[in-house]
């Protein structure tokens, strides 16, 4: 699906640097650069990059808030799991 898009052109239309796209997508700069040059990367990473670019193209940078909110919620869920595990370990001690 994602192979039909020119990721570099799309990123440039969104006025994003590689660093900014990396921050928004959670993908590293090397993976984004490889995707833009048509190198083989995982389909999941390619779709994640494309998803962020298409969302920004449609909604503008206000979508940045949605992306960060989603990432923050995911981080909170992970922290809750860690807290739960640590509480269990402490009770065993």
N, C-alpha and C. Protein backbone atom coordinates (compact mmCIF):
# COMPACT_ATOMS: atom_id res chain seq x y z
N UNK A 1 0.82 -1.19 0.00
CA UNK A 1 0.00 0.00 0.00
C UNK A 1 0.86 1.25 0.00
N UNK A 2 1.86 1.32 0.89
CA UNK A 2 2.65 2.53 1.08
C UNK A 2 3.66 2.76 -0.04
N UNK A 3 3.94 1.75 -0.84
CA UNK A 3 4.96 1.89 -1.86
C UNK A 3 4.53 2.82 -2.98
N UNK A 4 3.27 3.21 -3.04
CA UNK A 4 2.78 4.07 -4.11
C UNK A 4 2.96 5.55 -3.79
N UNK A 5 3.50 5.87 -2.63
CA UNK A 5 3.66 7.26 -2.22
C UNK A 5 5.14 7.64 -2.23
N UNK A 6 5.41 8.86 -2.68
CA UNK A 6 6.76 9.41 -2.61
C UNK A 6 6.86 10.09 -1.24
N UNK A 7 7.44 9.38 -0.29
CA UNK A 7 7.47 9.86 1.09
C UNK A 7 8.26 11.16 1.23
N UNK A 8 9.35 11.30 0.49
CA UNK A 8 10.16 12.52 0.59
C UNK A 8 9.35 13.73 0.12
N UNK A 9 8.69 13.59 -1.03
CA UNK A 9 7.87 14.71 -1.54
C UNK A 9 6.75 15.05 -0.58
N UNK A 10 6.13 14.02 -0.04
CA UNK A 10 5.03 14.24 0.90
C UNK A 10 5.55 14.94 2.16
N UNK A 11 6.71 14.53 2.66
CA UNK A 11 7.30 15.18 3.84
C UNK A 11 7.62 16.64 3.55
N UNK A 12 8.17 16.89 2.37
CA UNK A 12 8.52 18.27 2.00
C UNK A 12 7.27 19.13 1.83
N UNK A 13 6.19 18.56 1.29
CA UNK A 13 4.92 19.31 1.18
C UNK A 13 4.37 19.68 2.55
N UNK A 14 4.66 18.83 3.54
CA UNK A 14 4.21 19.09 4.90
C UNK A 14 5.16 20.03 5.64
N UNK A 15 6.23 20.45 4.95
CA UNK A 15 7.24 21.33 5.54
C UNK A 15 7.86 20.75 6.81
N UNK A 16 8.18 19.47 6.76
CA UNK A 16 8.79 18.81 7.91
C UNK A 16 10.22 18.40 7.58
N UNK A 17 11.10 18.54 8.54
CA UNK A 17 12.46 18.01 8.39
C UNK A 17 12.42 16.53 8.78
N UNK A 18 13.50 15.82 8.48
CA UNK A 18 13.58 14.42 8.90
C UNK A 18 13.47 14.32 10.42
N UNK A 19 14.10 15.25 11.10
CA UNK A 19 14.08 15.26 12.56
C UNK A 19 12.66 15.45 13.10
N UNK A 20 11.93 16.38 12.52
CA UNK A 20 10.56 16.64 12.97
C UNK A 20 9.66 15.43 12.71
N UNK A 21 9.81 14.82 11.54
CA UNK A 21 9.00 13.64 11.23
C UNK A 21 9.37 12.49 12.16
N UNK A 22 10.64 12.38 12.47
CA UNK A 22 11.09 11.35 13.40
C UNK A 22 10.42 11.53 14.76
N UNK A 23 10.39 12.75 15.23
CA UNK A 23 9.78 13.06 16.51
C UNK A 23 8.29 12.74 16.52
N UNK A 24 7.60 13.11 15.46
CA UNK A 24 6.16 12.90 15.39
C UNK A 24 5.77 11.44 15.20
N UNK A 25 6.56 10.71 14.42
CA UNK A 25 6.21 9.33 14.11
C UNK A 25 6.76 8.32 15.10
N UNK A 26 7.81 8.72 15.83
CA UNK A 26 8.45 7.77 16.73
C UNK A 26 9.43 6.86 16.01
N UNK A 27 9.65 7.09 14.72
CA UNK A 27 10.60 6.31 13.93
C UNK A 27 11.93 7.05 13.91
N UNK A 28 13.03 6.29 13.82
CA UNK A 28 14.32 6.99 13.79
C UNK A 28 14.58 7.57 12.41
N UNK A 29 15.47 8.56 12.38
CA UNK A 29 15.78 9.29 11.15
C UNK A 29 16.31 8.36 10.07
N UNK A 30 17.13 7.40 10.45
CA UNK A 30 17.71 6.47 9.47
C UNK A 30 16.62 5.69 8.76
N UNK A 31 15.64 5.21 9.51
CA UNK A 31 14.53 4.45 8.90
C UNK A 31 13.72 5.32 7.95
N UNK A 32 13.49 6.57 8.35
CA UNK A 32 12.72 7.48 7.49
C UNK A 32 13.49 7.75 6.21
N UNK A 33 14.79 8.01 6.36
CA UNK A 33 15.63 8.26 5.18
C UNK A 33 15.64 7.05 4.25
N UNK A 34 15.75 5.86 4.81
CA UNK A 34 15.74 4.64 4.00
C UNK A 34 14.40 4.47 3.29
N UNK A 35 13.33 4.76 3.98
CA UNK A 35 11.99 4.66 3.37
C UNK A 35 11.86 5.64 2.21
N UNK A 36 12.37 6.86 2.41
CA UNK A 36 12.29 7.87 1.36
C UNK A 36 13.12 7.48 0.13
N UNK A 37 14.21 6.76 0.36
CA UNK A 37 15.06 6.36 -0.76
C UNK A 37 14.64 5.02 -1.36
N UNK A 38 13.52 4.48 -0.88
CA UNK A 38 12.99 3.25 -1.43
C UNK A 38 13.66 2.00 -0.92
N UNK A 39 14.46 2.13 0.13
CA UNK A 39 15.11 0.95 0.73
C UNK A 39 14.07 0.15 1.48
N UNK A 40 14.38 -1.09 1.69
CA UNK A 40 13.44 -1.98 2.37
C UNK A 40 13.45 -1.73 3.87
N UNK A 41 12.29 -1.35 4.40
CA UNK A 41 12.08 -1.25 5.85
C UNK A 41 10.79 -2.00 6.14
N UNK A 42 10.50 -2.22 7.39
CA UNK A 42 9.30 -2.98 7.73
C UNK A 42 8.05 -2.22 7.26
N UNK A 43 7.06 -2.98 6.89
CA UNK A 43 5.79 -2.39 6.43
C UNK A 43 5.16 -1.56 7.55
N UNK A 44 5.33 -2.00 8.79
CA UNK A 44 4.76 -1.29 9.92
C UNK A 44 5.36 0.11 10.04
N UNK A 45 6.68 0.20 9.93
CA UNK A 45 7.34 1.52 10.00
C UNK A 45 6.92 2.41 8.85
N UNK A 46 6.89 1.83 7.65
CA UNK A 46 6.51 2.60 6.47
C UNK A 46 5.09 3.14 6.63
N UNK A 47 4.18 2.32 7.11
CA UNK A 47 2.79 2.74 7.29
C UNK A 47 2.66 3.79 8.39
N UNK A 48 3.48 3.67 9.43
CA UNK A 48 3.46 4.65 10.51
C UNK A 48 3.90 6.02 9.99
N UNK A 49 4.98 6.04 9.22
CA UNK A 49 5.49 7.28 8.63
C UNK A 49 4.45 7.88 7.71
N UNK A 50 3.89 7.07 6.84
CA UNK A 50 2.89 7.53 5.89
C UNK A 50 1.65 8.06 6.60
N UNK A 51 1.24 7.37 7.63
CA UNK A 51 0.06 7.78 8.39
C UNK A 51 0.23 9.18 8.97
N UNK A 52 1.40 9.44 9.56
CA UNK A 52 1.67 10.77 10.13
C UNK A 52 1.67 11.82 9.04
N UNK A 53 2.33 11.52 7.93
CA UNK A 53 2.42 12.50 6.83
C UNK A 53 1.04 12.81 6.24
N UNK A 54 0.24 11.79 6.02
CA UNK A 54 -1.09 12.02 5.45
C UNK A 54 -1.98 12.78 6.42
N UNK A 55 -1.86 12.48 7.70
CA UNK A 55 -2.67 13.18 8.70
C UNK A 55 -2.28 14.66 8.73
N UNK A 56 -0.99 14.95 8.70
CA UNK A 56 -0.53 16.34 8.72
C UNK A 56 -0.94 17.05 7.44
N UNK A 57 -0.86 16.34 6.32
CA UNK A 57 -1.25 16.96 5.04
C UNK A 57 -2.73 17.33 5.05
N UNK A 58 -3.56 16.48 5.62
CA UNK A 58 -5.00 16.74 5.64
C UNK A 58 -5.40 17.75 6.72
N UNK A 59 -4.81 17.64 7.90
CA UNK A 59 -5.27 18.43 9.03
C UNK A 59 -4.31 19.54 9.44
N UNK A 60 -3.13 19.58 8.83
CA UNK A 60 -2.14 20.56 9.23
C UNK A 60 -1.43 20.13 10.50
N UNK A 61 -0.60 20.99 11.01
CA UNK A 61 0.19 20.64 12.19
C UNK A 61 -0.64 20.55 13.46
N UNK A 62 -1.92 20.92 13.40
CA UNK A 62 -2.75 20.74 14.58
C UNK A 62 -2.89 19.26 14.91
N UNK A 63 -2.67 18.41 13.90
CA UNK A 63 -2.73 16.97 14.15
C UNK A 63 -1.59 16.52 15.04
N UNK A 64 -0.55 17.38 15.17
CA UNK A 64 0.58 17.07 16.03
C UNK A 64 0.10 16.81 17.45
N UNK A 65 -0.88 17.56 17.88
CA UNK A 65 -1.42 17.40 19.22
C UNK A 65 -2.03 16.01 19.37
N UNK A 66 -2.75 15.55 18.37
CA UNK A 66 -3.36 14.22 18.43
C UNK A 66 -2.29 13.14 18.51
N UNK A 67 -1.23 13.31 17.74
CA UNK A 67 -0.15 12.32 17.72
C UNK A 67 0.51 12.25 19.09
N UNK A 68 0.84 13.41 19.66
CA UNK A 68 1.48 13.43 20.96
C UNK A 68 0.56 12.91 22.04
N UNK A 69 -0.74 13.21 21.93
CA UNK A 69 -1.69 12.71 22.93
C UNK A 69 -1.73 11.20 22.90
N UNK A 70 -1.77 10.61 21.72
CA UNK A 70 -1.79 9.16 21.58
C UNK A 70 -0.53 8.55 22.19
N UNK A 71 0.62 9.15 21.88
CA UNK A 71 1.88 8.64 22.42
C UNK A 71 1.92 8.78 23.94
N UNK A 72 1.38 9.86 24.47
CA UNK A 72 1.36 10.06 25.92
C UNK A 72 0.48 9.01 26.59
N UNK A 73 -0.68 8.73 26.00
CA UNK A 73 -1.57 7.71 26.56
C UNK A 73 -0.92 6.33 26.55
N UNK A 74 -0.20 6.02 25.48
CA UNK A 74 0.51 4.75 25.41
C UNK A 74 1.58 4.66 26.50
N UNK A 75 2.29 5.76 26.71
CA UNK A 75 3.32 5.80 27.75
C UNK A 75 2.69 5.62 29.13
N UNK A 76 1.55 6.25 29.36
CA UNK A 76 0.87 6.12 30.65
C UNK A 76 0.45 4.67 30.90
N UNK A 77 -0.02 3.99 29.86
CA UNK A 77 -0.42 2.59 30.00
C UNK A 77 0.78 1.73 30.37
N UNK A 78 1.92 1.98 29.73
CA UNK A 78 3.13 1.22 30.03
C UNK A 78 3.59 1.47 31.47
N UNK A 79 3.53 2.74 31.90
CA UNK A 79 3.91 3.06 33.28
C UNK A 79 3.00 2.39 34.29
N UNK A 80 1.72 2.32 33.99
CA UNK A 80 0.77 1.66 34.89
C UNK A 80 1.10 0.17 35.02
N UNK A 81 1.48 -0.45 33.91
CA UNK A 81 1.86 -1.87 33.95
C UNK A 81 3.13 -2.08 34.77
N UNK A 82 4.09 -1.18 34.61
CA UNK A 82 5.34 -1.28 35.37
C UNK A 82 5.07 -1.08 36.85
N UNK A 83 4.23 -0.10 37.17
CA UNK A 83 3.89 0.17 38.57
C UNK A 83 3.22 -1.05 39.20
N UNK A 84 2.31 -1.64 38.44
CA UNK A 84 1.60 -2.83 38.94
C UNK A 84 2.58 -3.97 39.19
N UNK A 85 3.51 -4.18 38.27
CA UNK A 85 4.49 -5.25 38.42
C UNK A 85 5.40 -5.00 39.62
N UNK A 86 5.84 -3.76 39.79
CA UNK A 86 6.72 -3.43 40.91
C UNK A 86 6.00 -3.58 42.24
N UNK A 87 4.73 -3.21 42.28
CA UNK A 87 3.95 -3.37 43.51
C UNK A 87 3.85 -4.85 43.87
N UNK A 88 3.64 -5.69 42.89
CA UNK A 88 3.60 -7.13 43.12
C UNK A 88 4.91 -7.68 43.62
N UNK A 89 6.01 -7.21 43.07
CA UNK A 89 7.31 -7.68 43.50
C UNK A 89 7.60 -7.23 44.94
N UNK A 90 7.24 -6.01 45.27
CA UNK A 90 7.48 -5.50 46.62
C UNK A 90 6.68 -6.30 47.64
N UNK A 91 5.46 -6.66 47.31
CA UNK A 91 4.63 -7.46 48.22
C UNK A 91 5.24 -8.82 48.47
N UNK A 92 5.92 -9.37 47.45
CA UNK A 92 6.55 -10.69 47.60
C UNK A 92 7.78 -10.62 48.49
N UNK A 93 8.40 -9.45 48.51
CA UNK A 93 9.62 -9.28 49.33
C UNK A 93 9.18 -9.09 50.74
